[in-house]
């Protein structure tokens, strides 16, 4: 443990982005990360998507204000407080679960994650300014298929959350792709567990 005591302690938001509240590989990895991070002295605020209550549909886009539910307000406040954000979710159909995408549709709003330029050439190009700069993030996503094959033959299944959601808000993001998960032997699963716990100890 001496190896990790000299690392800076971080304020971490951990979002388990699986809509199923029953035990899953994602929930196991989230617990491992949380336990290791706390043991190493990091502060962790955890959110479980399956236990959050909110309407995932942004019914009128940005034309009308849609009041945020308490769980979304709490998440926004925690992200502002944090230095590092960890999001763990399963990849379904080369994307994140619909409920997790709905969370970002509702909470990742102008004035919180970004601001639109009002004047100048950036405004003409509909460009935005990041409002969460200085933070880092780690995305951990599991998949039934081989992550490399998904990227080569189907799509970059983490591009939306990494580039269009987190990095657009100014959050520098690293991604860990885990798979194929369904038929993985126990030794491979143990490697994943050790790696995620290691990231938790480092606060990365």
N, C-alpha and C. Protein backbone atom coordinates (compact mmCIF):
# COMPACT_ATOMS: atom_id res chain seq x y z
N UNK A 1 0.82 -1.22 0.00
CA UNK A 1 0.00 0.00 0.00
C UNK A 1 0.85 1.26 0.00
N UNK A 2 2.11 1.14 0.40
CA UNK A 2 2.97 2.32 0.42
C UNK A 2 3.09 2.95 -0.95
N UNK A 3 3.01 2.10 -2.00
CA UNK A 3 3.14 2.58 -3.37
C UNK A 3 2.11 3.64 -3.70
N UNK A 4 0.91 3.57 -3.11
CA UNK A 4 -0.18 4.43 -3.48
C UNK A 4 -0.38 5.62 -2.55
N UNK A 5 0.35 5.67 -1.44
CA UNK A 5 0.11 6.73 -0.47
C UNK A 5 0.61 8.08 -0.95
N UNK A 6 1.56 8.08 -1.87
CA UNK A 6 2.13 9.33 -2.35
C UNK A 6 1.35 9.93 -3.51
N UNK A 7 0.37 9.21 -4.04
CA UNK A 7 -0.43 9.74 -5.13
C UNK A 7 -1.43 10.77 -4.59
N UNK A 8 -1.69 11.83 -5.35
CA UNK A 8 -2.66 12.83 -4.87
C UNK A 8 -4.04 12.23 -4.72
N UNK A 9 -4.71 12.61 -3.65
CA UNK A 9 -6.07 12.12 -3.41
C UNK A 9 -7.05 12.96 -4.22
N UNK A 10 -8.03 12.32 -4.77
CA UNK A 10 -8.94 12.98 -5.69
C UNK A 10 -10.39 12.91 -5.19
N UNK A 11 -11.17 13.87 -5.70
CA UNK A 11 -12.62 13.85 -5.53
C UNK A 11 -13.21 13.18 -6.76
N UNK A 12 -13.83 12.03 -6.56
CA UNK A 12 -14.26 11.18 -7.67
C UNK A 12 -15.77 11.00 -7.67
N UNK A 13 -16.37 11.17 -8.83
CA UNK A 13 -17.76 10.77 -9.05
C UNK A 13 -17.75 9.45 -9.80
N UNK A 14 -18.44 8.46 -9.27
CA UNK A 14 -18.54 7.15 -9.90
C UNK A 14 -20.00 6.93 -10.32
N UNK A 15 -20.22 6.78 -11.61
CA UNK A 15 -21.57 6.54 -12.13
C UNK A 15 -21.63 5.13 -12.71
N UNK A 16 -22.40 4.27 -12.07
CA UNK A 16 -22.67 2.94 -12.62
C UNK A 16 -23.83 3.09 -13.60
N UNK A 17 -23.52 2.99 -14.88
CA UNK A 17 -24.50 3.30 -15.92
C UNK A 17 -25.25 2.11 -16.47
N UNK A 18 -25.46 1.09 -15.65
CA UNK A 18 -26.24 -0.07 -16.07
C UNK A 18 -27.68 0.10 -15.57
N UNK A 19 -28.67 -0.02 -16.44
CA UNK A 19 -30.06 0.17 -16.00
C UNK A 19 -30.63 -0.98 -15.19
N UNK A 20 -29.89 -2.08 -15.07
CA UNK A 20 -30.34 -3.24 -14.30
C UNK A 20 -29.75 -3.17 -12.89
N UNK A 21 -30.63 -3.21 -11.88
CA UNK A 21 -30.16 -3.10 -10.50
C UNK A 21 -29.62 -4.42 -9.96
N UNK A 22 -29.84 -5.52 -10.66
CA UNK A 22 -29.33 -6.81 -10.18
C UNK A 22 -27.84 -6.92 -10.48
N UNK A 23 -27.15 -7.87 -9.84
CA UNK A 23 -25.70 -7.98 -10.02
C UNK A 23 -25.31 -8.22 -11.48
N UNK A 24 -24.32 -7.47 -11.94
CA UNK A 24 -23.79 -7.60 -13.29
C UNK A 24 -22.27 -7.46 -13.22
N UNK A 25 -21.61 -7.72 -14.32
CA UNK A 25 -20.17 -7.48 -14.36
C UNK A 25 -19.87 -6.01 -14.12
N UNK A 26 -20.70 -5.13 -14.67
CA UNK A 26 -20.49 -3.69 -14.47
C UNK A 26 -20.60 -3.31 -13.00
N UNK A 27 -21.59 -3.85 -12.31
CA UNK A 27 -21.74 -3.51 -10.89
C UNK A 27 -20.59 -4.08 -10.06
N UNK A 28 -20.09 -5.24 -10.46
CA UNK A 28 -18.94 -5.81 -9.77
C UNK A 28 -17.71 -4.93 -9.95
N UNK A 29 -17.49 -4.45 -11.17
CA UNK A 29 -16.34 -3.59 -11.43
C UNK A 29 -16.48 -2.24 -10.71
N UNK A 30 -17.71 -1.72 -10.66
CA UNK A 30 -17.94 -0.45 -9.97
C UNK A 30 -17.61 -0.59 -8.48
N UNK A 31 -18.02 -1.70 -7.87
CA UNK A 31 -17.73 -1.92 -6.45
C UNK A 31 -16.23 -2.06 -6.21
N UNK A 32 -15.56 -2.76 -7.11
CA UNK A 32 -14.11 -2.92 -6.98
C UNK A 32 -13.41 -1.57 -7.07
N UNK A 33 -13.81 -0.75 -8.04
CA UNK A 33 -13.20 0.57 -8.20
C UNK A 33 -13.46 1.42 -6.95
N UNK A 34 -14.72 1.46 -6.52
CA UNK A 34 -15.09 2.28 -5.36
C UNK A 34 -14.34 1.85 -4.11
N UNK A 35 -14.30 0.56 -3.85
CA UNK A 35 -13.64 0.05 -2.65
C UNK A 35 -12.15 0.37 -2.65
N UNK A 36 -11.50 0.16 -3.80
CA UNK A 36 -10.06 0.43 -3.90
C UNK A 36 -9.77 1.92 -3.77
N UNK A 37 -10.62 2.75 -4.39
CA UNK A 37 -10.40 4.19 -4.33
C UNK A 37 -10.54 4.72 -2.90
N UNK A 38 -11.57 4.28 -2.21
CA UNK A 38 -11.77 4.74 -0.83
C UNK A 38 -10.65 4.26 0.07
N UNK A 39 -10.21 3.02 -0.14
CA UNK A 39 -9.13 2.48 0.68
C UNK A 39 -7.84 3.27 0.48
N UNK A 40 -7.66 3.81 -0.74
CA UNK A 40 -6.46 4.59 -1.04
C UNK A 40 -6.58 6.05 -0.59
N UNK A 41 -7.74 6.42 -0.06
CA UNK A 41 -7.90 7.77 0.48
C UNK A 41 -8.63 8.75 -0.41
N UNK A 42 -9.13 8.31 -1.56
CA UNK A 42 -9.90 9.19 -2.43
C UNK A 42 -11.31 9.36 -1.88
N UNK A 43 -11.92 10.50 -2.17
CA UNK A 43 -13.34 10.72 -1.85
C UNK A 43 -14.18 10.28 -3.04
N UNK A 44 -15.20 9.49 -2.80
CA UNK A 44 -16.01 8.95 -3.88
C UNK A 44 -17.49 9.24 -3.62
N UNK A 45 -18.14 9.83 -4.60
CA UNK A 45 -19.59 9.96 -4.59
C UNK A 45 -20.14 9.08 -5.70
N UNK A 46 -20.93 8.09 -5.32
CA UNK A 46 -21.41 7.09 -6.29
C UNK A 46 -22.87 7.30 -6.64
N UNK A 47 -23.17 7.11 -7.92
CA UNK A 47 -24.54 7.16 -8.43
C UNK A 47 -24.80 5.87 -9.21
N UNK A 48 -25.95 5.25 -8.94
CA UNK A 48 -26.37 4.04 -9.65
C UNK A 48 -27.55 4.40 -10.56
N UNK A 49 -27.33 4.30 -11.85
CA UNK A 49 -28.36 4.69 -12.81
C UNK A 49 -29.70 3.99 -12.54
N UNK A 50 -29.65 2.71 -12.17
CA UNK A 50 -30.87 1.94 -11.96
C UNK A 50 -31.69 2.45 -10.77
N UNK A 51 -31.06 3.21 -9.87
CA UNK A 51 -31.75 3.71 -8.69
C UNK A 51 -32.12 5.18 -8.80
N UNK A 52 -31.74 5.81 -9.90
CA UNK A 52 -32.04 7.23 -10.08
C UNK A 52 -33.43 7.40 -10.70
N UNK A 53 -34.10 8.47 -10.31
CA UNK A 53 -35.45 8.72 -10.79
C UNK A 53 -35.48 10.01 -11.59
N UNK A 54 -35.73 9.88 -12.89
CA UNK A 54 -35.81 11.05 -13.77
C UNK A 54 -36.45 10.64 -15.09
N UNK A 55 -37.00 11.61 -15.77
CA UNK A 55 -37.53 11.39 -17.12
C UNK A 55 -36.36 11.45 -18.08
N UNK A 56 -36.05 10.38 -18.81
CA UNK A 56 -34.88 10.39 -19.68
C UNK A 56 -35.10 11.10 -21.02
N UNK A 57 -36.29 11.60 -21.25
CA UNK A 57 -36.60 12.22 -22.54
C UNK A 57 -36.56 13.73 -22.43
N UNK A 58 -35.77 14.35 -23.28
CA UNK A 58 -35.74 15.81 -23.39
C UNK A 58 -36.83 16.17 -24.38
N UNK A 59 -38.04 16.38 -23.89
CA UNK A 59 -39.23 16.38 -24.72
C UNK A 59 -39.25 17.47 -25.79
N UNK A 60 -38.76 18.65 -25.48
CA UNK A 60 -38.80 19.75 -26.44
C UNK A 60 -37.42 20.27 -26.80
N UNK A 61 -36.42 19.42 -26.63
CA UNK A 61 -35.07 19.87 -26.91
C UNK A 61 -34.72 21.05 -26.03
N UNK A 62 -34.13 22.08 -26.62
CA UNK A 62 -33.76 23.26 -25.85
C UNK A 62 -34.75 24.41 -26.05
N UNK A 63 -35.91 24.11 -26.63
CA UNK A 63 -36.90 25.16 -26.87
C UNK A 63 -37.59 25.60 -25.60
N UNK A 64 -37.71 24.69 -24.64
CA UNK A 64 -38.39 25.02 -23.39
C UNK A 64 -37.61 24.41 -22.22
N UNK A 65 -37.64 25.08 -21.09
CA UNK A 65 -36.92 24.58 -19.92
C UNK A 65 -37.67 23.39 -19.32
N UNK A 66 -36.96 22.33 -19.07
CA UNK A 66 -37.51 21.14 -18.43
C UNK A 66 -36.82 20.99 -17.09
N UNK A 67 -37.59 21.17 -16.02
CA UNK A 67 -37.00 21.17 -14.68
C UNK A 67 -36.28 19.86 -14.39
N UNK A 68 -35.12 19.98 -13.80
CA UNK A 68 -34.34 18.80 -13.46
C UNK A 68 -34.83 18.17 -12.16
N UNK A 69 -34.92 16.85 -12.17
CA UNK A 69 -35.30 16.12 -10.97
C UNK A 69 -34.16 16.16 -9.95
N UNK A 70 -34.46 15.92 -8.67
CA UNK A 70 -33.42 15.98 -7.63
C UNK A 70 -32.20 15.10 -7.91
N UNK A 71 -32.40 13.92 -8.47
CA UNK A 71 -31.26 13.04 -8.73
C UNK A 71 -30.33 13.63 -9.79
N UNK A 72 -30.88 14.30 -10.79
CA UNK A 72 -30.05 14.93 -11.81
C UNK A 72 -29.34 16.16 -11.26
N UNK A 73 -30.02 16.92 -10.42
CA UNK A 73 -29.37 18.06 -9.77
C UNK A 73 -28.22 17.60 -8.88
N UNK A 74 -28.43 16.49 -8.17
CA UNK A 74 -27.37 15.95 -7.31
C UNK A 74 -26.17 15.50 -8.14
N UNK A 75 -26.45 14.89 -9.29
CA UNK A 75 -25.36 14.47 -10.16
C UNK A 75 -24.58 15.68 -10.68
N UNK A 76 -25.29 16.71 -11.12
CA UNK A 76 -24.61 17.91 -11.59
C UNK A 76 -23.72 18.51 -10.51
N UNK A 77 -24.26 18.61 -9.30
CA UNK A 77 -23.49 19.19 -8.20
C UNK A 77 -22.24 18.35 -7.92
N UNK A 78 -22.39 17.04 -7.99
CA UNK A 78 -21.25 16.15 -7.73
C UNK A 78 -20.19 16.28 -8.81
N UNK A 79 -20.62 16.41 -10.06
CA UNK A 79 -19.65 16.56 -11.15
C UNK A 79 -18.89 17.87 -10.99
N UNK A 80 -19.59 18.95 -10.61
CA UNK A 80 -18.89 20.23 -10.36
C UNK A 80 -17.86 20.07 -9.24
N UNK A 81 -18.22 19.33 -8.21
CA UNK A 81 -17.33 19.11 -7.05
C UNK A 81 -16.13 18.27 -7.42
N UNK A 82 -16.29 17.37 -8.35
CA UNK A 82 -15.30 16.34 -8.63
C UNK A 82 -14.08 16.85 -9.38
N UNK A 83 -13.03 16.06 -9.27
CA UNK A 83 -11.84 16.23 -10.11
C UNK A 83 -11.76 15.14 -11.17
N UNK A 84 -12.41 14.02 -10.91
CA UNK A 84 -12.33 12.86 -11.80
C UNK A 84 -13.70 12.19 -11.85
N UNK A 85 -14.12 11.79 -13.04
CA UNK A 85 -15.42 11.14 -13.23
C UNK A 85 -15.19 9.75 -13.82
N UNK A 86 -15.82 8.75 -13.23
CA UNK A 86 -15.72 7.38 -13.72
C UNK A 86 -17.12 6.90 -14.11
N UNK A 87 -17.24 6.41 -15.33
CA UNK A 87 -18.53 5.93 -15.83
C UNK A 87 -18.35 4.50 -16.30
N UNK A 88 -19.15 3.60 -15.75
CA UNK A 88 -19.05 2.17 -16.08
C UNK A 88 -20.40 1.72 -16.63
N UNK A 89 -20.38 1.14 -17.82
CA UNK A 89 -21.66 0.74 -18.44
C UNK A 89 -21.42 -0.37 -19.46
N UNK A 90 -22.49 -1.12 -19.82
CA UNK A 90 -22.37 -2.13 -20.87
C UNK A 90 -22.57 -1.50 -22.25
N UNK A 91 -21.84 -2.00 -23.22
CA UNK A 91 -22.07 -1.58 -24.61
C UNK A 91 -23.18 -2.45 -25.20
N UNK A 92 -24.23 -1.79 -25.66
CA UNK A 92 -25.34 -2.47 -26.32
C UNK A 92 -25.52 -1.87 -27.71
N UNK A 93 -25.50 -2.70 -28.74
CA UNK A 93 -25.67 -2.22 -30.11
C UNK A 93 -24.69 -1.08 -30.42
N UNK A 94 -23.43 -1.31 -30.04
CA UNK A 94 -22.34 -0.35 -30.30
C UNK A 94 -22.60 1.03 -29.70
N UNK A 95 -23.31 1.08 -28.59
CA UNK A 95 -23.59 2.36 -27.94
C UNK A 95 -23.86 2.12 -26.46
N UNK A 96 -24.15 3.17 -25.75
CA UNK A 96 -24.50 3.07 -24.34
C UNK A 96 -25.99 2.73 -24.20
N UNK A 97 -26.43 2.21 -23.06
CA UNK A 97 -27.85 1.96 -22.84
C UNK A 97 -28.68 3.24 -23.01
N UNK A 98 -29.91 3.10 -23.47
CA UNK A 98 -30.75 4.26 -23.75
C UNK A 98 -30.97 5.12 -22.51
N UNK A 99 -31.11 4.49 -21.35
CA UNK A 99 -31.35 5.25 -20.13
C UNK A 99 -30.14 6.11 -19.77
N UNK A 100 -28.94 5.60 -20.01
CA UNK A 100 -27.74 6.39 -19.76
C UNK A 100 -27.66 7.56 -20.74
N UNK A 101 -27.97 7.31 -21.99
CA UNK A 101 -28.00 8.41 -22.97
C UNK A 101 -29.04 9.45 -22.56
N UNK A 102 -30.18 8.99 -22.03
CA UNK A 102 -31.20 9.92 -21.57
C UNK A 102 -30.72 10.76 -20.41
N UNK A 103 -29.90 10.19 -19.54
CA UNK A 103 -29.33 10.96 -18.44
C UNK A 103 -28.50 12.12 -18.98
N UNK A 104 -27.67 11.85 -19.97
CA UNK A 104 -26.86 12.92 -20.54
C UNK A 104 -27.72 13.92 -21.31
N UNK A 105 -28.76 13.45 -22.00
CA UNK A 105 -29.67 14.37 -22.69
C UNK A 105 -30.27 15.37 -21.71
N UNK A 106 -30.61 14.90 -20.54
CA UNK A 106 -31.28 15.75 -19.55
C UNK A 106 -30.31 16.61 -18.73
N UNK A 107 -29.16 16.04 -18.34
CA UNK A 107 -28.29 16.73 -17.39
C UNK A 107 -27.15 17.50 -18.03
N UNK A 108 -26.74 17.11 -19.21
CA UNK A 108 -25.56 17.72 -19.86
C UNK A 108 -26.01 18.94 -20.66
N UNK A 109 -26.40 19.98 -19.93
CA UNK A 109 -27.10 21.11 -20.53
C UNK A 109 -26.22 22.33 -20.72
N UNK A 110 -26.64 23.24 -21.60
CA UNK A 110 -25.97 24.54 -21.69
C UNK A 110 -26.02 25.24 -20.33
N UNK A 111 -24.92 25.84 -19.95
CA UNK A 111 -24.83 26.46 -18.64
C UNK A 111 -24.25 25.53 -17.59
N UNK A 112 -24.24 24.24 -17.88
CA UNK A 112 -23.61 23.27 -16.98
C UNK A 112 -22.38 22.65 -17.63
N UNK A 113 -22.56 22.02 -18.78
CA UNK A 113 -21.45 21.33 -19.44
C UNK A 113 -20.78 22.19 -20.50
N UNK A 114 -21.52 23.09 -21.10
CA UNK A 114 -20.98 23.92 -22.17
C UNK A 114 -21.80 25.19 -22.30
N UNK A 115 -21.28 26.11 -23.08
CA UNK A 115 -21.99 27.36 -23.37
C UNK A 115 -21.81 27.68 -24.84
N UNK A 116 -22.86 28.10 -25.49
CA UNK A 116 -22.79 28.45 -26.90
C UNK A 116 -22.24 29.86 -27.06
N UNK A 117 -21.34 30.03 -28.00
CA UNK A 117 -20.84 31.37 -28.31
C UNK A 117 -21.97 32.22 -28.89
N UNK A 118 -22.03 33.46 -28.46
CA UNK A 118 -23.10 34.37 -28.89
C UNK A 118 -22.68 35.27 -30.05
N UNK A 119 -21.37 35.55 -30.14
CA UNK A 119 -20.90 36.46 -31.18
C UNK A 119 -19.63 35.90 -31.81
N UNK A 120 -19.25 36.49 -32.95
CA UNK A 120 -18.01 36.12 -33.60
C UNK A 120 -18.15 34.91 -34.51
N UNK A 121 -17.02 34.50 -35.05
CA UNK A 121 -17.05 33.40 -36.02
C UNK A 121 -17.43 32.07 -35.39
N UNK A 122 -17.12 31.91 -34.09
CA UNK A 122 -17.52 30.66 -33.43
C UNK A 122 -19.03 30.55 -33.33
N UNK A 123 -19.69 31.67 -33.10
CA UNK A 123 -21.15 31.66 -33.04
C UNK A 123 -21.74 31.29 -34.40
N UNK A 124 -21.14 31.79 -35.47
CA UNK A 124 -21.64 31.48 -36.81
C UNK A 124 -21.51 29.99 -37.13
N UNK A 125 -20.52 29.35 -36.51
CA UNK A 125 -20.32 27.91 -36.73
C UNK A 125 -21.02 27.06 -35.67
N UNK A 126 -21.82 27.71 -34.81
CA UNK A 126 -22.53 27.02 -33.73
C UNK A 126 -21.57 26.24 -32.83
N UNK A 127 -20.44 26.85 -32.53
CA UNK A 127 -19.47 26.21 -31.65
C UNK A 127 -19.78 26.50 -30.19
N UNK A 128 -19.28 25.64 -29.34
CA UNK A 128 -19.53 25.78 -27.90
C UNK A 128 -18.23 25.86 -27.13
N UNK A 129 -18.31 26.47 -25.94
CA UNK A 129 -17.17 26.57 -25.04
C UNK A 129 -17.36 25.58 -23.89
N UNK A 130 -16.35 24.79 -23.54
CA UNK A 130 -16.47 23.83 -22.44
C UNK A 130 -16.54 24.52 -21.09
N UNK A 131 -17.37 23.99 -20.19
CA UNK A 131 -17.52 24.56 -18.86
C UNK A 131 -16.99 23.65 -17.75
N UNK A 132 -16.50 22.47 -18.11
CA UNK A 132 -16.01 21.54 -17.09
C UNK A 132 -14.52 21.23 -17.29
N UNK A 133 -13.80 22.17 -17.85
CA UNK A 133 -12.38 21.98 -18.11
C UNK A 133 -11.60 21.78 -16.81
N UNK A 134 -10.51 21.04 -16.91
CA UNK A 134 -9.67 20.78 -15.74
C UNK A 134 -9.96 19.45 -15.07
N UNK A 135 -11.06 18.81 -15.47
CA UNK A 135 -11.42 17.51 -14.90
C UNK A 135 -10.94 16.40 -15.84
N UNK A 136 -10.85 15.20 -15.29
CA UNK A 136 -10.53 14.02 -16.08
C UNK A 136 -11.64 13.00 -15.92
N UNK A 137 -11.66 12.03 -16.81
CA UNK A 137 -12.68 10.98 -16.73
C UNK A 137 -12.09 9.65 -17.18
N UNK A 138 -12.68 8.60 -16.70
CA UNK A 138 -12.37 7.24 -17.13
C UNK A 138 -13.68 6.56 -17.49
N UNK A 139 -13.81 6.12 -18.72
CA UNK A 139 -14.96 5.34 -19.16
C UNK A 139 -14.55 3.88 -19.19
N UNK A 140 -15.32 3.04 -18.52
CA UNK A 140 -15.09 1.59 -18.54
C UNK A 140 -16.35 0.95 -19.10
N UNK A 141 -16.22 0.29 -20.24
CA UNK A 141 -17.41 -0.30 -20.85
C UNK A 141 -17.15 -1.76 -21.20
N UNK A 142 -18.14 -2.59 -20.93
CA UNK A 142 -18.06 -4.02 -21.23
C UNK A 142 -18.84 -4.31 -22.50
N UNK A 143 -18.46 -5.38 -23.17
CA UNK A 143 -19.20 -5.77 -24.38
C UNK A 143 -19.19 -7.28 -24.53
N UNK A 144 -20.24 -7.79 -25.15
CA UNK A 144 -20.31 -9.23 -25.41
C UNK A 144 -19.32 -9.62 -26.50
N UNK A 145 -19.06 -8.70 -27.44
CA UNK A 145 -18.14 -8.96 -28.53
C UNK A 145 -16.74 -8.46 -28.21
N UNK A 146 -15.82 -8.79 -29.08
CA UNK A 146 -14.44 -8.34 -28.97
C UNK A 146 -14.36 -6.85 -29.27
N UNK A 147 -13.90 -6.01 -28.34
CA UNK A 147 -13.86 -4.56 -28.57
C UNK A 147 -13.11 -4.16 -29.84
N UNK A 148 -12.01 -4.83 -30.14
CA UNK A 148 -11.25 -4.48 -31.34
C UNK A 148 -12.05 -4.75 -32.60
N UNK A 149 -12.77 -5.87 -32.63
CA UNK A 149 -13.58 -6.18 -33.80
C UNK A 149 -14.75 -5.21 -33.93
N UNK A 150 -15.32 -4.80 -32.80
CA UNK A 150 -16.38 -3.80 -32.85
C UNK A 150 -15.87 -2.51 -33.49
N UNK A 151 -14.69 -2.09 -33.08
CA UNK A 151 -14.13 -0.85 -33.61
C UNK A 151 -13.79 -0.96 -35.09
N UNK A 152 -13.30 -2.13 -35.51
CA UNK A 152 -12.87 -2.30 -36.89
C UNK A 152 -14.03 -2.47 -37.86
N UNK A 153 -15.03 -3.23 -37.46
CA UNK A 153 -16.05 -3.63 -38.42
C UNK A 153 -17.43 -3.03 -38.18
N UNK A 154 -17.65 -2.39 -37.03
CA UNK A 154 -18.97 -1.84 -36.78
C UNK A 154 -18.91 -0.34 -36.50
N UNK A 155 -18.30 0.05 -35.40
CA UNK A 155 -18.24 1.48 -35.09
C UNK A 155 -17.30 1.70 -33.92
N UNK A 156 -16.84 2.93 -33.79
CA UNK A 156 -16.12 3.32 -32.58
C UNK A 156 -17.18 3.55 -31.51
N UNK A 157 -17.43 2.52 -30.71
CA UNK A 157 -18.59 2.53 -29.83
C UNK A 157 -18.41 3.41 -28.60
N UNK A 158 -17.25 4.03 -28.44
CA UNK A 158 -17.08 4.96 -27.32
C UNK A 158 -16.89 6.41 -27.80
N UNK A 159 -17.02 6.65 -29.09
CA UNK A 159 -16.78 8.00 -29.63
C UNK A 159 -17.77 9.01 -29.08
N UNK A 160 -19.03 8.63 -28.94
CA UNK A 160 -20.05 9.58 -28.49
C UNK A 160 -19.78 10.04 -27.06
N UNK A 161 -19.59 9.08 -26.15
CA UNK A 161 -19.41 9.46 -24.75
C UNK A 161 -18.07 10.15 -24.54
N UNK A 162 -17.05 9.71 -25.27
CA UNK A 162 -15.72 10.31 -25.07
C UNK A 162 -15.62 11.68 -25.72
N UNK A 163 -15.93 11.76 -27.01
CA UNK A 163 -15.70 12.99 -27.77
C UNK A 163 -16.85 13.98 -27.71
N UNK A 164 -18.07 13.47 -27.86
CA UNK A 164 -19.22 14.36 -28.00
C UNK A 164 -19.89 14.72 -26.69
N UNK A 165 -19.58 14.02 -25.61
CA UNK A 165 -20.18 14.31 -24.31
C UNK A 165 -19.13 14.83 -23.33
N UNK A 166 -18.14 14.02 -23.03
CA UNK A 166 -17.17 14.39 -21.98
C UNK A 166 -16.15 15.41 -22.47
N UNK A 167 -15.49 15.11 -23.58
CA UNK A 167 -14.44 16.03 -24.04
C UNK A 167 -15.01 17.33 -24.58
N UNK A 168 -16.24 17.31 -25.09
CA UNK A 168 -16.88 18.55 -25.51
C UNK A 168 -17.06 19.48 -24.33
N UNK A 169 -17.25 18.91 -23.13
CA UNK A 169 -17.39 19.71 -21.92
C UNK A 169 -16.04 20.07 -21.31
N UNK A 170 -14.96 19.64 -21.92
CA UNK A 170 -13.63 19.97 -21.43
C UNK A 170 -13.00 18.92 -20.55
N UNK A 171 -13.62 17.74 -20.46
CA UNK A 171 -13.12 16.67 -19.59
C UNK A 171 -12.22 15.74 -20.38
N UNK A 172 -10.95 15.67 -20.02
CA UNK A 172 -10.02 14.79 -20.70
C UNK A 172 -10.33 13.34 -20.31
N UNK A 173 -10.53 12.49 -21.31
CA UNK A 173 -11.12 11.18 -21.05
C UNK A 173 -10.25 10.05 -21.57
N UNK A 174 -10.13 9.01 -20.75
CA UNK A 174 -9.51 7.75 -21.16
C UNK A 174 -10.56 6.65 -21.11
N UNK A 175 -10.41 5.67 -21.98
CA UNK A 175 -11.40 4.60 -22.12
C UNK A 175 -10.75 3.25 -21.89
N UNK A 176 -11.44 2.40 -21.12
CA UNK A 176 -11.06 1.00 -20.96
C UNK A 176 -12.19 0.15 -21.51
N UNK A 177 -11.91 -0.61 -22.57
CA UNK A 177 -12.92 -1.47 -23.19
C UNK A 177 -12.67 -2.91 -22.74
N UNK A 178 -13.69 -3.52 -22.16
CA UNK A 178 -13.58 -4.86 -21.60
C UNK A 178 -14.46 -5.82 -22.39
N UNK A 179 -13.89 -6.90 -22.89
CA UNK A 179 -14.67 -7.89 -23.61
C UNK A 179 -13.74 -8.84 -24.37
N UNK A 180 -14.34 -9.88 -24.95
CA UNK A 180 -15.75 -10.27 -24.87
C UNK A 180 -16.09 -10.84 -23.50
N UNK A 181 -17.17 -10.36 -22.91
CA UNK A 181 -17.47 -10.63 -21.52
C UNK A 181 -18.27 -11.91 -21.28
N UNK A 182 -19.13 -12.30 -22.20
CA UNK A 182 -20.06 -13.40 -21.92
C UNK A 182 -19.36 -14.73 -21.72
N UNK A 183 -18.38 -15.03 -22.56
CA UNK A 183 -17.73 -16.33 -22.51
C UNK A 183 -16.30 -16.25 -21.97
N UNK A 184 -15.98 -15.16 -21.30
CA UNK A 184 -14.62 -14.98 -20.80
C UNK A 184 -14.31 -16.00 -19.71
N UNK A 185 -13.14 -16.63 -19.77
CA UNK A 185 -12.75 -17.56 -18.69
C UNK A 185 -12.48 -16.79 -17.41
N UNK A 186 -12.46 -17.51 -16.31
CA UNK A 186 -12.30 -16.87 -15.01
C UNK A 186 -10.96 -16.15 -14.89
N UNK A 187 -9.91 -16.68 -15.48
CA UNK A 187 -8.62 -16.00 -15.37
C UNK A 187 -8.65 -14.63 -16.05
N UNK A 188 -9.40 -14.52 -17.16
CA UNK A 188 -9.51 -13.23 -17.85
C UNK A 188 -10.33 -12.25 -17.01
N UNK A 189 -11.42 -12.74 -16.42
CA UNK A 189 -12.23 -11.88 -15.56
C UNK A 189 -11.42 -11.39 -14.36
N UNK A 190 -10.55 -12.25 -13.85
CA UNK A 190 -9.72 -11.85 -12.72
C UNK A 190 -8.74 -10.76 -13.14
N UNK A 191 -8.24 -10.83 -14.34
CA UNK A 191 -7.36 -9.77 -14.85
C UNK A 191 -8.11 -8.44 -14.92
N UNK A 192 -9.35 -8.48 -15.40
CA UNK A 192 -10.15 -7.26 -15.46
C UNK A 192 -10.38 -6.69 -14.07
N UNK A 193 -10.71 -7.56 -13.13
CA UNK A 193 -10.95 -7.11 -11.75
C UNK A 193 -9.71 -6.42 -11.18
N UNK A 194 -8.56 -7.04 -11.37
CA UNK A 194 -7.33 -6.47 -10.84
C UNK A 194 -7.02 -5.12 -11.48
N UNK A 195 -7.25 -5.01 -12.77
CA UNK A 195 -6.94 -3.76 -13.47
C UNK A 195 -7.85 -2.63 -13.00
N UNK A 196 -9.14 -2.92 -12.85
CA UNK A 196 -10.08 -1.89 -12.40
C UNK A 196 -9.78 -1.48 -10.96
N UNK A 197 -9.45 -2.43 -10.11
CA UNK A 197 -9.07 -2.08 -8.72
C UNK A 197 -7.81 -1.24 -8.72
N UNK A 198 -6.88 -1.53 -9.59
CA UNK A 198 -5.65 -0.74 -9.71
C UNK A 198 -5.97 0.69 -10.10
N UNK A 199 -6.87 0.86 -11.07
CA UNK A 199 -7.28 2.21 -11.46
C UNK A 199 -7.94 2.94 -10.29
N UNK A 200 -8.72 2.21 -9.50
CA UNK A 200 -9.36 2.81 -8.34
C UNK A 200 -8.33 3.30 -7.32
N UNK A 201 -7.32 2.52 -7.07
CA UNK A 201 -6.29 2.93 -6.12
C UNK A 201 -5.57 4.19 -6.58
N UNK A 202 -5.33 4.26 -7.89
CA UNK A 202 -4.66 5.44 -8.44
C UNK A 202 -5.59 6.64 -8.57
N UNK A 203 -6.90 6.40 -8.57
CA UNK A 203 -7.85 7.48 -8.83
C UNK A 203 -7.83 7.88 -10.28
N UNK A 204 -7.72 6.89 -11.16
CA UNK A 204 -7.66 7.15 -12.60
C UNK A 204 -8.76 6.40 -13.34
